[in-house]
Amino acid sequence: MESVTIVTSILGFVSFDEQLFNSLYSVQISFLGVIFNWTVVIANRQITTSKHSFGILTANQAFGDAIYSTTFLFYVSPMIYL
């Protein structure tokens, strides 16, 4: 029976409980990423002292991460569940 478990884990077959846990965990992590990164992008545009090179780099990095997190939240996480 142990060899069957090893083979199924190598092939990628997971139970519904593991699939549900993985999708809920990824939704939580990506939701935090969406909230924090979009907050940094919006706040960085409103702060006048962040118009120097470091502020611009921070805003660009946060914008890229926000796009990635938003895509992961609304596209990848539901596909893990399905």
Protein backbone atom coordinates (compact mmCIF):
# COMPACT_ATOMS: atom_id res chain seq x y z
CA MET A 1 0.00 0.00 0.00
CA GLU A 2 2.92 2.32 0.66
CA SER A 3 4.18 1.95 -2.92
CA VAL A 4 0.76 3.01 -4.23
CA THR A 5 0.92 6.15 -2.09
CA ILE A 6 4.39 6.98 -3.39
CA VAL A 7 3.34 6.44 -7.01
CA THR A 8 0.23 8.58 -6.67
CA SER A 9 2.17 11.37 -4.99
CA ILE A 10 4.77 11.29 -7.77
CA LEU A 11 2.10 11.38 -10.46
CA GLY A 12 0.37 14.31 -8.79
CA PHE A 13 -2.86 12.71 -7.67
CA VAL A 14 -4.06 14.43 -4.53
CA SER A 15 -7.16 13.98 -2.45
CA PHE A 16 -9.93 16.54 -2.36
CA ASP A 17 -8.94 17.59 1.17
CA GLU A 18 -5.39 18.38 0.07
CA GLN A 19 -6.69 20.23 -2.97
CA LEU A 20 -9.06 22.32 -0.84
CA PHE A 21 -6.32 23.08 1.68
CA ASN A 22 -3.90 24.14 -1.06
CA SER A 23 -6.42 26.38 -2.76
CA LEU A 24 -7.51 28.07 0.48
CA TYR A 25 -3.90 28.57 1.52
CA SER A 26 -2.97 30.09 -1.84
CA VAL A 27 -6.03 32.37 -1.74
CA GLN A 28 -5.02 33.70 1.67
CA ILE A 29 -1.42 34.35 0.68
CA SER A 30 -2.29 35.97 -2.65
CA PHE A 31 -5.03 38.09 -1.02
CA LEU A 32 -2.47 39.51 1.40
CA GLY A 33 -0.15 40.17 -1.52
CA VAL A 34 -2.88 42.01 -3.40
CA ILE A 35 -3.80 44.18 -0.42
CA PHE A 36 -0.25 45.09 0.61
CA ASN A 37 1.18 45.66 -2.86
CA TRP A 38 -1.70 47.81 -4.10
CA THR A 39 -1.50 49.78 -0.85
CA VAL A 40 2.18 50.48 -1.51
CA VAL A 41 1.47 51.52 -5.10
CA ILE A 42 -1.32 53.91 -4.10
CA ALA A 43 0.54 55.33 -1.10
CA ASN A 44 3.73 55.81 -3.10
CA ARG A 45 1.90 57.95 -5.66
CA GLN A 46 0.55 60.23 -2.94
CA ILE A 47 3.76 60.72 -0.95
CA THR A 48 5.78 63.58 -2.42
CA THR A 49 9.09 62.50 -0.86
CA SER A 50 9.04 59.20 -2.77
CA LYS A 51 9.64 60.82 -6.16
CA HIS A 52 13.34 59.96 -6.05
CA SER A 53 14.96 56.88 -7.58
CA PHE A 54 14.36 54.57 -4.62
CA GLY A 55 10.68 55.52 -4.43
CA ILE A 56 10.23 54.96 -8.15
CA LEU A 57 11.94 51.56 -7.94
CA THR A 58 9.79 50.59 -4.97
CA ALA A 59 6.60 51.63 -6.77
CA ASN A 60 7.56 49.71 -9.91
CA GLN A 61 8.39 46.58 -7.92
CA ALA A 62 5.16 46.82 -5.94
CA PHE A 63 3.15 47.36 -9.13
CA GLY A 64 4.64 44.26 -10.76
CA ASP A 65 4.05 42.19 -7.64
CA ALA A 66 0.49 43.52 -7.37
CA ILE A 67 -0.29 42.47 -10.95
CA TYR A 68 1.21 39.04 -10.29
CA SER A 69 -0.69 38.60 -7.00
CA THR A 70 -3.97 39.75 -8.53
CA THR A 71 -3.58 37.36 -11.45
CA PHE A 72 -2.74 34.53 -9.08
CA LEU A 73 -5.72 35.32 -6.85
CA PHE A 74 -8.34 35.44 -9.60
CA TYR A 75 -6.92 32.96 -12.14
CA VAL A 76 -4.60 30.38 -10.58
CA SER A 77 -6.18 29.86 -7.15
CA PRO A 78 -9.62 28.93 -8.54
CA MET A 79 -7.98 26.46 -10.94
CA ILE A 80 -6.24 24.74 -8.03
CA TYR A 81 -9.64 24.23 -6.43
CA LEU A 82 -11.24 22.93 -9.61
